[in-house]
Amino acid sequence: MAKNQLNSQKKKLIKSLPPLDKILRATISKYYLTCGKPACHCHKDKKKHGPYYYLSAKEESKTRMFLIPEGFLNEVKRGVSYYNQLWEIIYKLCKLNRQILWKKKGISGGAK
């Protein structure tokens, strides 16, 4: 592939970056829980309370869990999705940057 085409792809990828101010590096987990009331249906019927959604994120070398407030789940899912999109684009940009560098230096194998 020609250097101009590679640069064009690179610009297109950069324009497709997700909104960086909304990314969340985390995972989302869904839980059904039993409460502390022994007479509650969650103990008798085995029908637990929930679902409750938690965001799991690493902070200062520790994984922390945060309850996602009702009504925020879609926004949190979007933020996690943006983070994953960001990394996909970064990997593609790195490959393009290598190919461009190899072409610039005349090294064979730059188009792979």
PDB file of N, CA and C in Angstrom:
ATOM      1  N   MET A   1       0.847  -1.178   0.000  1.00  0.00           N
ATOM      2  CA  MET A   1       0.000   0.000   0.000  1.00  0.00           C
ATOM      3  C   MET A   1       0.897   1.248   0.000  1.00  0.00           C
ATOM      4  N   ALA A   2       0.478   2.242  -0.742  1.00  0.00           N
ATOM      5  CA  ALA A   2       1.264   3.472  -0.864  1.00  0.00           C
ATOM      6  C   ALA A   2       1.223   4.265   0.439  1.00  0.00           C
ATOM      7  N   LYS A   3       2.276   5.038   0.643  1.00  0.00           N
ATOM      8  CA  LYS A   3       2.400   5.843   1.857  1.00  0.00           C
ATOM      9  C   LYS A   3       1.220   6.812   2.012  1.00  0.00           C
ATOM     10  N   ASN A   4       0.763   7.397   0.910  1.00  0.00           N
ATOM     11  CA  ASN A   4      -0.381   8.326   0.962  1.00  0.00           C
ATOM     12  C   ASN A   4      -1.644   7.627   1.441  1.00  0.00           C
ATOM     13  N   GLN A   5      -1.848   6.393   0.979  1.00  0.00           N
ATOM     14  CA  GLN A   5      -3.018   5.622   1.406  1.00  0.00           C
ATOM     15  C   GLN A   5      -2.940   5.311   2.902  1.00  0.00           C
ATOM     16  N   LEU A   6      -1.747   4.972   3.353  1.00  0.00           N
ATOM     17  CA  LEU A   6      -1.551   4.676   4.771  1.00  0.00           C
ATOM     18  C   LEU A   6      -1.840   5.910   5.618  1.00  0.00           C
ATOM     19  N   ASN A   7      -1.340   7.059   5.182  1.00  0.00           N
ATOM     20  CA  ASN A   7      -1.593   8.307   5.910  1.00  0.00           C
ATOM     21  C   ASN A   7      -3.077   8.662   5.906  1.00  0.00           C
ATOM     22  N   SER A   8      -3.740   8.388   4.804  1.00  0.00           N
ATOM     23  CA  SER A   8      -5.174   8.649   4.703  1.00  0.00           C
ATOM     24  C   SER A   8      -5.949   7.764   5.688  1.00  0.00           C
ATOM     25  N   GLN A   9      -5.571   6.489   5.757  1.00  0.00           N
ATOM     26  CA  GLN A   9      -6.199   5.575   6.722  1.00  0.00           C
ATOM     27  C   GLN A   9      -5.956   6.040   8.146  1.00  0.00           C
ATOM     28  N   LYS A  10      -4.754   6.503   8.391  1.00  0.00           N
ATOM     29  CA  LYS A  10      -4.382   6.983   9.721  1.00  0.00           C
ATOM     30  C   LYS A  10      -5.249   8.176  10.129  1.00  0.00           C
ATOM     31  N   LYS A  11      -5.423   9.134   9.232  1.00  0.00           N
ATOM     32  CA  LYS A  11      -6.259  10.303   9.531  1.00  0.00           C
ATOM     33  C   LYS A  11      -7.703   9.896   9.787  1.00  0.00           C
ATOM     34  N   LYS A  12      -8.181   8.939   9.006  1.00  0.00           N
ATOM     35  CA  LYS A  12      -9.553   8.454   9.167  1.00  0.00           C
ATOM     36  C   LYS A  12      -9.727   7.806  10.546  1.00  0.00           C
ATOM     37  N   LEU A  13      -8.754   7.015  10.960  1.00  0.00           N
ATOM     38  CA  LEU A  13      -8.811   6.374  12.287  1.00  0.00           C
ATOM     39  C   LEU A  13      -8.808   7.411  13.405  1.00  0.00           C
ATOM     40  N   ILE A  14      -7.957   8.410  13.270  1.00  0.00           N
ATOM     41  CA  ILE A  14      -7.871   9.454  14.303  1.00  0.00           C
ATOM     42  C   ILE A  14      -9.201  10.197  14.422  1.00  0.00           C
ATOM     43  N   LYS A  15      -9.850  10.448  13.292  1.00  0.00           N
ATOM     44  CA  LYS A  15     -11.154  11.115  13.322  1.00  0.00           C
ATOM     45  C   LYS A  15     -12.230  10.238  13.968  1.00  0.00           C
ATOM     46  N   SER A  16     -12.030   8.912  13.943  1.00  0.00           N
ATOM     47  CA  SER A  16     -13.030   7.998  14.497  1.00  0.00           C
ATOM     48  C   SER A  16     -12.844   7.724  15.993  1.00  0.00           C
ATOM     49  N   LEU A  17     -11.868   8.394  16.618  1.00  0.00           N
ATOM     50  CA  LEU A  17     -11.645   8.180  18.052  1.00  0.00           C
ATOM     51  C   LEU A  17     -12.919   8.499  18.840  1.00  0.00           C
ATOM     52  N   PRO A  18     -13.214   7.687  19.854  1.00  0.00           N
ATOM     53  CA  PRO A  18     -14.386   7.975  20.689  1.00  0.00           C
ATOM     54  C   PRO A  18     -14.132   9.220  21.545  1.00  0.00           C
ATOM     55  N   PRO A  19     -15.183   9.789  22.128  1.00  0.00           N
ATOM     56  CA  PRO A  19     -14.988  10.964  22.984  1.00  0.00           C
ATOM     57  C   PRO A  19     -14.160  10.591  24.222  1.00  0.00           C
ATOM     58  N   LEU A  20     -12.961  11.111  24.281  1.00  0.00           N
ATOM     59  CA  LEU A  20     -12.028  10.736  25.349  1.00  0.00           C
ATOM     60  C   LEU A  20     -12.507  11.173  26.729  1.00  0.00           C
ATOM     61  N   ASP A  21     -13.346  12.183  26.789  1.00  0.00           N
ATOM     62  CA  ASP A  21     -13.838  12.657  28.080  1.00  0.00           C
ATOM     63  C   ASP A  21     -14.944  11.761  28.640  1.00  0.00           C
ATOM     64  N   LYS A  22     -15.298  10.701  27.910  1.00  0.00           N
ATOM     65  CA  LYS A  22     -16.372   9.820  28.374  1.00  0.00           C
ATOM     66  C   LYS A  22     -15.931   8.365  28.557  1.00  0.00           C
ATOM     67  N   ILE A  23     -14.656   8.064  28.307  1.00  0.00           N
ATOM     68  CA  ILE A  23     -14.215   6.669  28.401  1.00  0.00           C
ATOM     69  C   ILE A  23     -14.139   6.200  29.856  1.00  0.00           C
ATOM     70  N   LEU A  24     -14.430   4.915  30.043  1.00  0.00           N
ATOM     71  CA  LEU A  24     -14.334   4.287  31.367  1.00  0.00           C
ATOM     72  C   LEU A  24     -13.542   2.993  31.224  1.00  0.00           C
ATOM     73  N   ARG A  25     -12.466   2.885  31.961  1.00  0.00           N
ATOM     74  CA  ARG A  25     -11.677   1.645  31.976  1.00  0.00           C
ATOM     75  C   ARG A  25     -12.234   0.795  33.107  1.00  0.00           C
ATOM     76  N   ALA A  26     -13.123  -0.116  32.748  1.00  0.00           N
ATOM     77  CA  ALA A  26     -13.804  -0.906  33.771  1.00  0.00           C
ATOM     78  C   ALA A  26     -14.550  -2.058  33.115  1.00  0.00           C
ATOM     79  N   THR A  27     -15.096  -2.915  33.951  1.00  0.00           N
ATOM     80  CA  THR A  27     -16.006  -3.956  33.492  1.00  0.00           C
ATOM     81  C   THR A  27     -17.298  -3.813  34.282  1.00  0.00           C
ATOM     82  N   ILE A  28     -18.364  -4.338  33.712  1.00  0.00           N
ATOM     83  CA  ILE A  28     -19.676  -4.272  34.353  1.00  0.00           C
ATOM     84  C   ILE A  28     -20.088  -5.680  34.735  1.00  0.00           C
ATOM     85  N   SER A  29     -20.554  -5.836  35.968  1.00  0.00           N
ATOM     86  CA  SER A  29     -21.029  -7.134  36.466  1.00  0.00           C
ATOM     87  C   SER A  29     -22.458  -6.996  36.959  1.00  0.00           C
ATOM     88  N   LYS A  30     -23.217  -8.079  36.798  1.00  0.00           N
ATOM     89  CA  LYS A  30     -24.607  -8.105  37.245  1.00  0.00           C
ATOM     90  C   LYS A  30     -24.716  -9.119  38.386  1.00  0.00           C
ATOM     91  N   TYR A  31     -25.352  -8.683  39.480  1.00  0.00           N
ATOM     92  CA  TYR A  31     -25.493  -9.533  40.655  1.00  0.00           C
ATOM     93  C   TYR A  31     -26.946  -9.592  41.120  1.00  0.00           C
ATOM     94  N   TYR A  32     -27.301 -10.749  41.660  1.00  0.00           N
ATOM     95  CA  TYR A  32     -28.564 -10.933  42.382  1.00  0.00           C
ATOM     96  C   TYR A  32     -28.156 -11.277  43.808  1.00  0.00           C
ATOM     97  N   LEU A  33     -28.726 -10.586  44.783  1.00  0.00           N
ATOM     98  CA  LEU A  33     -28.255 -10.696  46.157  1.00  0.00           C
ATOM     99  C   LEU A  33     -29.363 -11.086  47.129  1.00  0.00           C
ATOM    100  N   THR A  34     -28.944 -11.661  48.252  1.00  0.00           N
ATOM    101  CA  THR A  34     -29.864 -11.902  49.362  1.00  0.00           C
ATOM    102  C   THR A  34     -29.639 -10.793  50.390  1.00  0.00           C
ATOM    103  N   CYS A  35     -30.704 -10.431  51.069  1.00  0.00           N
ATOM    104  CA  CYS A  35     -30.601  -9.351  52.054  1.00  0.00           C
ATOM    105  C   CYS A  35     -30.333  -9.926  53.441  1.00  0.00           C
ATOM    106  N   GLY A  36     -30.304  -9.062  54.426  1.00  0.00           N
ATOM    107  CA  GLY A  36     -30.014  -9.481  55.794  1.00  0.00           C
ATOM    108  C   GLY A  36     -31.237  -9.861  56.610  1.00  0.00           C
ATOM    109  N   LYS A  37     -32.405  -9.848  55.998  1.00  0.00           N
ATOM    110  CA  LYS A  37     -33.636 -10.192  56.722  1.00  0.00           C
ATOM    111  C   LYS A  37     -33.937 -11.677  56.543  1.00  0.00           C
ATOM    112  N   PRO A  38     -33.813 -12.470  57.587  1.00  0.00           N
ATOM    113  CA  PRO A  38     -34.004 -13.923  57.476  1.00  0.00           C
ATOM    114  C   PRO A  38     -35.400 -14.317  56.971  1.00  0.00           C
ATOM    115  N   ALA A  39     -36.417 -13.509  57.240  1.00  0.00           N
ATOM    116  CA  ALA A  39     -37.785 -13.852  56.829  1.00  0.00           C
ATOM    117  C   ALA A  39     -38.098 -13.406  55.395  1.00  0.00           C
ATOM    118  N   CYS A  40     -37.180 -12.760  54.717  1.00  0.00           N
ATOM    119  CA  CYS A  40     -37.427 -12.223  53.377  1.00  0.00           C
ATOM    120  C   CYS A  40     -37.559 -13.359  52.349  1.00  0.00           C
ATOM    121  N   HIS A  41     -38.320 -13.079  51.308  1.00  0.00           N
ATOM    122  CA  HIS A  41     -38.519 -14.059  50.234  1.00  0.00           C
ATOM    123  C   HIS A  41     -37.216 -14.485  49.569  1.00  0.00           C
ATOM    124  N   CYS A  42     -36.198 -13.643  49.623  1.00  0.00           N
ATOM    125  CA  CYS A  42     -34.936 -13.982  48.956  1.00  0.00           C
ATOM    126  C   CYS A  42     -34.250 -15.176  49.617  1.00  0.00           C
ATOM    127  N   HIS A  43     -34.613 -15.461  50.883  1.00  0.00           N
ATOM    128  CA  HIS A  43     -34.062 -16.623  51.575  1.00  0.00           C
ATOM    129  C   HIS A  43     -34.973 -17.830  51.400  1.00  0.00           C
ATOM    130  N   LYS A  44     -36.282 -17.591  51.395  1.00  0.00           N
ATOM    131  CA  LYS A  44     -37.256 -18.686  51.319  1.00  0.00           C
ATOM    132  C   LYS A  44     -37.416 -19.211  49.894  1.00  0.00           C
ATOM    133  N   ASP A  45     -37.720 -18.317  48.982  1.00  0.00           N
ATOM    134  CA  ASP A  45     -38.050 -18.712  47.614  1.00  0.00           C
ATOM    135  C   ASP A  45     -36.830 -18.819  46.710  1.00  0.00           C
ATOM    136  N   LYS A  46     -35.712 -18.444  47.224  1.00  0.00           N
ATOM    137  CA  LYS A  46     -34.466 -18.405  46.436  1.00  0.00           C
ATOM    138  C   LYS A  46     -34.562 -17.410  45.273  1.00  0.00           C
ATOM    139  N   LYS A  47     -35.561 -16.507  45.336  1.00  0.00           N
ATOM    140  CA  LYS A  47     -35.663 -15.427  44.350  1.00  0.00           C
ATOM    141  C   LYS A  47     -34.963 -14.213  44.949  1.00  0.00           C
ATOM    142  N   LYS A  48     -33.739 -14.007  44.513  1.00  0.00           N
ATOM    143  CA  LYS A  48     -32.912 -12.956  45.096  1.00  0.00           C
ATOM    144  C   LYS A  48     -33.302 -11.575  44.599  1.00  0.00           C
ATOM    145  N   HIS A  49     -32.820 -10.561  45.298  1.00  0.00           N
ATOM    146  CA  HIS A  49     -33.036  -9.172  44.913  1.00  0.00           C
ATOM    147  C   HIS A  49     -32.097  -8.820  43.762  1.00  0.00           C
ATOM    148  N   GLY A  50     -32.595  -7.994  42.869  1.00  0.00           N
ATOM    149  CA  GLY A  50     -31.729  -7.549  41.778  1.00  0.00           C
ATOM    150  C   GLY A  50     -32.458  -7.576  40.457  1.00  0.00           C
ATOM    151  N   PRO A  51     -31.762  -7.378  39.400  1.00  0.00           N
ATOM    152  CA  PRO A  51     -30.305  -7.339  39.325  1.00  0.00           C
ATOM    153  C   PRO A  51     -29.731  -5.994  39.780  1.00  0.00           C
ATOM    154  N   TYR A  52     -28.520  -6.078  40.332  1.00  0.00           N
ATOM    155  CA  TYR A  52     -27.739  -4.899  40.683  1.00  0.00           C
ATOM    156  C   TYR A  52     -26.516  -4.919  39.781  1.00  0.00           C
ATOM    157  N   TYR A  53     -26.167  -3.765  39.254  1.00  0.00           N
ATOM    158  CA  TYR A  53     -25.028  -3.675  38.349  1.00  0.00           C
ATOM    159  C   TYR A  53     -23.893  -2.933  39.046  1.00  0.00           C
ATOM    160  N   TYR A  54     -22.708  -3.509  38.902  1.00  0.00           N
ATOM    161  CA  TYR A  54     -21.514  -2.926  39.505  1.00  0.00           C
ATOM    162  C   TYR A  54     -20.460  -2.672  38.435  1.00  0.00           C
ATOM    163  N   LEU A  55     -19.749  -1.598  38.639  1.00  0.00           N
ATOM    164  CA  LEU A  55     -18.618  -1.253  37.800  1.00  0.00           C
ATOM    165  C   LEU A  55     -17.371  -1.688  38.573  1.00  0.00           C
ATOM    166  N   SER A  56     -16.537  -2.468  37.937  1.00  0.00           N
ATOM    167  CA  SER A  56     -15.297  -2.930  38.548  1.00  0.00           C
ATOM    168  C   SER A  56     -14.148  -2.193  37.874  1.00  0.00           C
ATOM    169  N   ALA A  57     -13.364  -1.462  38.673  1.00  0.00           N
ATOM    170  CA  ALA A  57     -12.278  -0.661  38.117  1.00  0.00           C
ATOM    171  C   ALA A  57     -11.045  -0.757  39.007  1.00  0.00           C
ATOM    172  N   LYS A  58      -9.895  -0.731  38.368  1.00  0.00           N
ATOM    173  CA  LYS A  58      -8.642  -0.786  39.113  1.00  0.00           C
ATOM    174  C   LYS A  58      -8.199   0.628  39.434  1.00  0.00           C
ATOM    175  N   GLU A  59      -7.978   0.882  40.722  1.00  0.00           N
ATOM    176  CA  GLU A  59      -7.500   2.185  41.184  1.00  0.00           C
ATOM    177  C   GLU A  59      -6.363   1.952  42.173  1.00  0.00           C
ATOM    178  N   GLU A  60      -5.245   2.582  41.909  1.00  0.00           N
ATOM    179  CA  GLU A  60      -4.082   2.475  42.796  1.00  0.00           C
ATOM    180  C   GLU A  60      -3.762   1.013  43.128  1.00  0.00           C
ATOM    181  N   SER A  61      -3.668   0.190  42.102  1.00  0.00           N
ATOM    182  CA  SER A  61      -3.317  -1.229  42.205  1.00  0.00           C
ATOM    183  C   SER A  61      -4.356  -2.091  42.914  1.00  0.00           C
ATOM    184  N   LYS A  62      -5.527  -1.564  43.176  1.00  0.00           N
ATOM    185  CA  LYS A  62      -6.589  -2.341  43.809  1.00  0.00           C
ATOM    186  C   LYS A  62      -7.837  -2.288  42.944  1.00  0.00           C
ATOM    187  N   THR A  63      -8.501  -3.430  42.839  1.00  0.00           N
ATOM    188  CA  THR A  63      -9.765  -3.470  42.114  1.00  0.00           C
ATOM    189  C   THR A  63     -10.872  -3.056  43.060  1.00  0.00           C
ATOM    190  N   ARG A  64     -11.669  -2.092  42.615  1.00  0.00           N
ATOM    191  CA  ARG A  64     -12.774  -1.590  43.430  1.00  0.00           C
ATOM    192  C   ARG A  64     -14.074  -1.809  42.690  1.00  0.00           C
ATOM    193  N   MET A  65     -15.138  -2.020  43.449  1.00  0.00           N
ATOM    194  CA  MET A  65     -16.469  -2.209  42.887  1.00  0.00           C
ATOM    195  C   MET A  65     -17.329  -1.010  43.265  1.00  0.00           C
ATOM    196  N   PHE A  66     -18.067  -0.499  42.282  1.00  0.00           N
ATOM    197  CA  PHE A  66     -18.947   0.639  42.500  1.00  0.00           C
ATOM    198  C   PHE A  66     -20.342   0.268  42.017  1.00  0.00           C
ATOM    199  N   LEU A  67     -21.323   0.437  42.871  1.00  0.00           N
ATOM    200  CA  LEU A  67     -22.698   0.199  42.474  1.00  0.00           C
ATOM    201  C   LEU A  67     -23.088   1.248  41.440  1.00  0.00           C
ATOM    202  N   ILE A  68     -23.630   0.801  40.319  1.00  0.00           N
ATOM    203  CA  ILE A  68     -24.073   1.728  39.281  1.00  0.00           C
ATOM    204  C   ILE A  68     -25.487   2.167  39.636  1.00  0.00           C
ATOM    205  N   PRO A  69     -25.695   3.450  39.887  1.00  0.00           N
ATOM    206  CA  PRO A  69     -27.029   3.933  40.249  1.00  0.00           C
ATOM    207  C   PRO A  69     -28.047   3.656  39.145  1.00  0.00           C
ATOM    208  N   GLU A  70     -29.267   3.413  39.547  1.00  0.00           N
ATOM    209  CA  GLU A  70     -30.338   3.163  38.593  1.00  0.00           C
ATOM    210  C   GLU A  70     -30.427   4.328  37.609  1.00  0.00           C
ATOM    211  N   GLY A  71     -30.563   4.010  36.341  1.00  0.00           N
ATOM    212  CA  GLY A  71     -30.649   5.032  35.315  1.00  0.00           C
ATOM    213  C   GLY A  71     -29.314   5.402  34.687  1.00  0.00           C
ATOM    214  N   PHE A  72     -28.197   4.903  35.221  1.00  0.00           N
ATOM    215  CA  PHE A  72     -26.874   5.232  34.699  1.00  0.00           C
ATOM    216  C   PHE A  72     -26.240   4.090  33.906  1.00  0.00           C
ATOM    217  N   LEU A  73     -26.906   2.938  33.873  1.00  0.00           N
ATOM    218  CA  LEU A  73     -26.299   1.754  33.259  1.00  0.00           C
ATOM    219  C   LEU A  73     -25.928   1.980  31.799  1.00  0.00           C
ATOM    220  N   ASN A  74     -26.822   2.570  31.010  1.00  0.00           N
ATOM    221  CA  ASN A  74     -26.517   2.781  29.591  1.00  0.00           C
ATOM    222  C   ASN A  74     -25.332   3.712  29.398  1.00  0.00           C
ATOM    223  N   GLU A  75     -25.246   4.743  30.210  1.00  0.00           N
ATOM    224  CA  GLU A  75     -24.121   5.676  30.117  1.00  0.00           C
ATOM    225  C   GLU A  75     -22.804   4.989  30.479  1.00  0.00           C
ATOM    226  N   VAL A  76     -22.848   4.141  31.502  1.00  0.00           N
ATOM    227  CA  VAL A  76     -21.652   3.394  31.905  1.00  0.00           C
ATOM    228  C   VAL A  76     -21.254   2.410  30.809  1.00  0.00           C
ATOM    229  N   LYS A  77     -22.235   1.710  30.235  1.00  0.00           N
ATOM    230  CA  LYS A  77     -21.943   0.775  29.139  1.00  0.00           C
ATOM    231  C   LYS A  77     -21.290   1.498  27.966  1.00  0.00           C
ATOM    232  N   ARG A  78     -21.785   2.685  27.658  1.00  0.00           N
ATOM    233  CA  ARG A  78     -21.210   3.483  26.578  1.00  0.00           C
ATOM    234  C   ARG A  78     -19.754   3.837  26.883  1.00  0.00           C
ATOM    235  N   GLY A  79     -19.480   4.251  28.120  1.00  0.00           N
ATOM    236  CA  GLY A  79     -18.114   4.609  28.507  1.00  0.00           C
ATOM    237  C   GLY A  79     -17.152   3.446  28.393  1.00  0.00           C
ATOM    238  N   VAL A  80     -17.598   2.252  28.803  1.00  0.00           N
ATOM    239  CA  VAL A  80     -16.768   1.046  28.692  1.00  0.00           C
ATOM    240  C   VAL A  80     -16.558   0.700  27.214  1.00  0.00           C
ATOM    241  N   SER A  81     -17.608   0.838  26.418  1.00  0.00           N
ATOM    242  CA  SER A  81     -17.509   0.583  24.981  1.00  0.00           C
ATOM    243  C   SER A  81     -16.525   1.554  24.321  1.00  0.00           C
ATOM    244  N   TYR A  82     -16.564   2.825  24.723  1.00  0.00           N
ATOM    245  CA  TYR A  82     -15.627   3.815  24.195  1.00  0.00           C
ATOM    246  C   TYR A  82     -14.183   3.425  24.517  1.00  0.00           C
ATOM    247  N   TYR A  83     -13.968   2.919  25.714  1.00  0.00           N
ATOM    248  CA  TYR A  83     -12.620   2.493  26.110  1.00  0.00           C
ATOM    249  C   TYR A  83     -12.128   1.368  25.193  1.00  0.00           C
ATOM    250  N   ASN A  84     -13.003   0.385  24.946  1.00  0.00           N
ATOM    251  CA  ASN A  84     -12.626  -0.736  24.077  1.00  0.00           C
ATOM    252  C   ASN A  84     -12.385  -0.271  22.644  1.00  0.00           C
ATOM    253  N   GLN A  85     -13.209   0.642  22.157  1.00  0.00           N
ATOM    254  CA  GLN A  85     -13.008   1.212  20.816  1.00  0.00           C
ATOM    255  C   GLN A  85     -11.667   1.933  20.734  1.00  0.00           C
ATOM    256  N   LEU A  86     -11.340   2.679  21.779  1.00  0.00           N
ATOM    257  CA  LEU A  86     -10.082   3.414  21.821  1.00  0.00           C
ATOM    258  C   LEU A  86      -8.902   2.474  21.630  1.00  0.00           C
ATOM    259  N   TRP A  87      -8.905   1.360  22.340  1.00  0.00           N
ATOM    260  CA  TRP A  87      -7.789   0.420  22.224  1.00  0.00           C
ATOM    261  C   TRP A  87      -7.724  -0.246  20.857  1.00  0.00           C
ATOM    262  N   GLU A  88      -8.869  -0.547  20.265  1.00  0.00           N
ATOM    263  CA  GLU A  88      -8.864  -1.107  18.911  1.00  0.00           C
ATOM    264  C   GLU A  88      -8.223  -0.118  17.936  1.00  0.00           C
ATOM    265  N   ILE A  89      -8.578   1.149  18.072  1.00  0.00           N
ATOM    266  CA  ILE A  89      -8.033   2.177  17.188  1.00  0.00           C
ATOM    267  C   ILE A  89      -6.539   2.366  17.441  1.00  0.00           C
ATOM    268  N   ILE A  90      -6.130   2.335  18.696  1.00  0.00           N
ATOM    269  CA  ILE A  90      -4.701   2.475  19.023  1.00  0.00           C
ATOM    270  C   ILE A  90      -3.895   1.353  18.375  1.00  0.00           C
ATOM    271  N   TYR A  91      -4.387   0.113  18.452  1.00  0.00           N
ATOM    272  CA  TYR A  91      -3.667  -1.001  17.827  1.00  0.00           C
ATOM    273  C   TYR A  91      -3.534  -0.794  16.320  1.00  0.00           C
ATOM    274  N   LYS A  92      -4.623  -0.344  15.685  1.00  0.00           N
ATOM    275  CA  LYS A  92      -4.585  -0.109  14.244  1.00  0.00           C
ATOM    276  C   LYS A  92      -3.635   1.038  13.899  1.00  0.00           C
ATOM    277  N   LEU A  93      -3.655   2.105  14.715  1.00  0.00           N
ATOM    278  CA  LEU A  93      -2.747   3.232  14.485  1.00  0.00           C
ATOM    279  C   LEU A  93      -1.284   2.809  14.620  1.00  0.00           C
ATOM    280  N   CYS A  94      -1.005   1.975  15.596  1.00  0.00           N
ATOM    281  CA  CYS A  94       0.374   1.500  15.782  1.00  0.00           C
ATOM    282  C   CYS A  94       0.851   0.720  14.556  1.00  0.00           C
ATOM    283  N   LYS A  95      -0.020  -0.120  14.018  1.00  0.00           N
ATOM    284  CA  LYS A  95       0.337  -0.890  12.827  1.00  0.00           C
ATOM    285  C   LYS A  95       0.587   0.054  11.642  1.00  0.00           C
ATOM    286  N   LEU A  96      -0.302   1.019  11.450  1.00  0.00           N
ATOM    287  CA  LEU A  96      -0.117   1.985  10.362  1.00  0.00           C
ATOM    288  C   LEU A  96       1.160   2.801  10.548  1.00  0.00           C
ATOM    289  N   ASN A  97       1.421   3.235  11.785  1.00  0.00           N
ATOM    290  CA  ASN A  97       2.643   4.006  12.051  1.00  0.00           C
ATOM    291  C   ASN A  97       3.886   3.198  11.711  1.00  0.00           C
ATOM    292  N   ARG A  98       3.873   1.914  12.047  1.00  0.00           N
ATOM    293  CA  ARG A  98       5.016   1.059  11.708  1.00  0.00           C
ATOM    294  C   ARG A  98       5.162   0.944  10.204  1.00  0.00           C
ATOM    295  N   GLN A  99       4.047   0.728   9.516  1.00  0.00           N
ATOM    296  CA  GLN A  99       4.107   0.597   8.057  1.00  0.00           C
ATOM    297  C   GLN A  99       4.628   1.879   7.406  1.00  0.00           C
ATOM    298  N   ILE A 100       4.172   3.011   7.889  1.00  0.00           N
ATOM    299  CA  ILE A 100       4.627   4.300   7.351  1.00  0.00           C
ATOM    300  C   ILE A 100       6.121   4.486   7.623  1.00  0.00           C
ATOM    301  N   LEU A 101       6.550   4.159   8.822  1.00  0.00           N
ATOM    302  CA  LEU A 101       7.969   4.287   9.173  1.00  0.00           C
ATOM    303  C   LEU A 101       8.830   3.382   8.301  1.00  0.00           C
ATOM    304  N   TRP A 102       8.374   2.152   8.094  1.00  0.00           N
ATOM    305  CA  TRP A 102       9.144   1.210   7.279  1.00  0.00           C
ATOM    306  C   TRP A 102       9.264   1.733   5.843  1.00  0.00           C
ATOM    307  N   LYS A 103       8.169   2.268   5.314  1.00  0.00           N
ATOM    308  CA  LYS A 103       8.214   2.826   3.949  1.00  0.00           C
ATOM    309  C   LYS A 103       9.168   4.018   3.890  1.00  0.00           C
ATOM    310  N   LYS A 104       9.103   4.868   4.911  1.00  0.00           N
ATOM    311  CA  LYS A 104       9.948   6.056   4.970  1.00  0.00           C
ATOM    312  C   LYS A 104      11.434   5.663   4.997  1.00  0.00           C
ATOM    313  N   LYS A 105      11.752   4.589   5.713  1.00  0.00           N
ATOM    314  CA  LYS A 105      13.141   4.135   5.839  1.00  0.00           C
ATOM    315  C   LYS A 105      13.553   3.149   4.759  1.00  0.00           C
ATOM    316  N   GLY A 106      12.593   2.796   3.875  1.00  0.00           N
ATOM    317  CA  GLY A 106      12.908   1.870   2.786  1.00  0.00           C
ATOM    318  C   GLY A 106      13.084   0.438   3.234  1.00  0.00           C
ATOM    319  N   ILE A 107      12.471   0.074   4.338  1.00  0.00           N
ATOM    320  CA  ILE A 107      12.577  -1.283   4.859  1.00  0.00           C
ATOM    321  C   ILE A 107      11.477  -2.134   4.237  1.00  0.00           C
ATOM    322  N   SER A 108      11.859  -3.321   3.739  1.00  0.00           N
ATOM    323  CA  SER A 108      10.845  -4.187   3.131  1.00  0.00           C
ATOM    324  C   SER A 108       9.926  -4.750   4.211  1.00  0.00           C
ATOM    325  N   GLY A 109       8.741  -5.129   3.798  1.00  0.00           N
ATOM    326  CA  GLY A 109       7.785  -5.663   4.754  1.00  0.00           C
ATOM    327  C   GLY A 109       6.909  -4.581   5.375  1.00  0.00           C
ATOM    328  N   GLY A 110       7.024  -3.350   4.911  1.00  0.00           N
ATOM    329  CA  GLY A 110       6.260  -2.242   5.454  1.00  0.00           C
ATOM    330  C   GLY A 110       4.770  -2.328   5.194  1.00  0.00           C
ATOM    331  N   ALA A 111       4.378  -3.083   4.178  1.00  0.00           N
ATOM    332  CA  ALA A 111       2.955  -3.153   3.822  1.00  0.00           C
ATOM    333  C   ALA A 111       2.226  -4.283   4.520  1.00  0.00           C
ATOM    334  N   LYS A 112       2.908  -5.072   5.312  1.00  0.00           N
ATOM    335  CA  LYS A 112       2.261  -6.219   5.966  1.00  0.00           C
ATOM    336  C   LYS A 112       1.612  -5.808   7.250  1.00  0.00           C
TER     337      LYS A 112
END
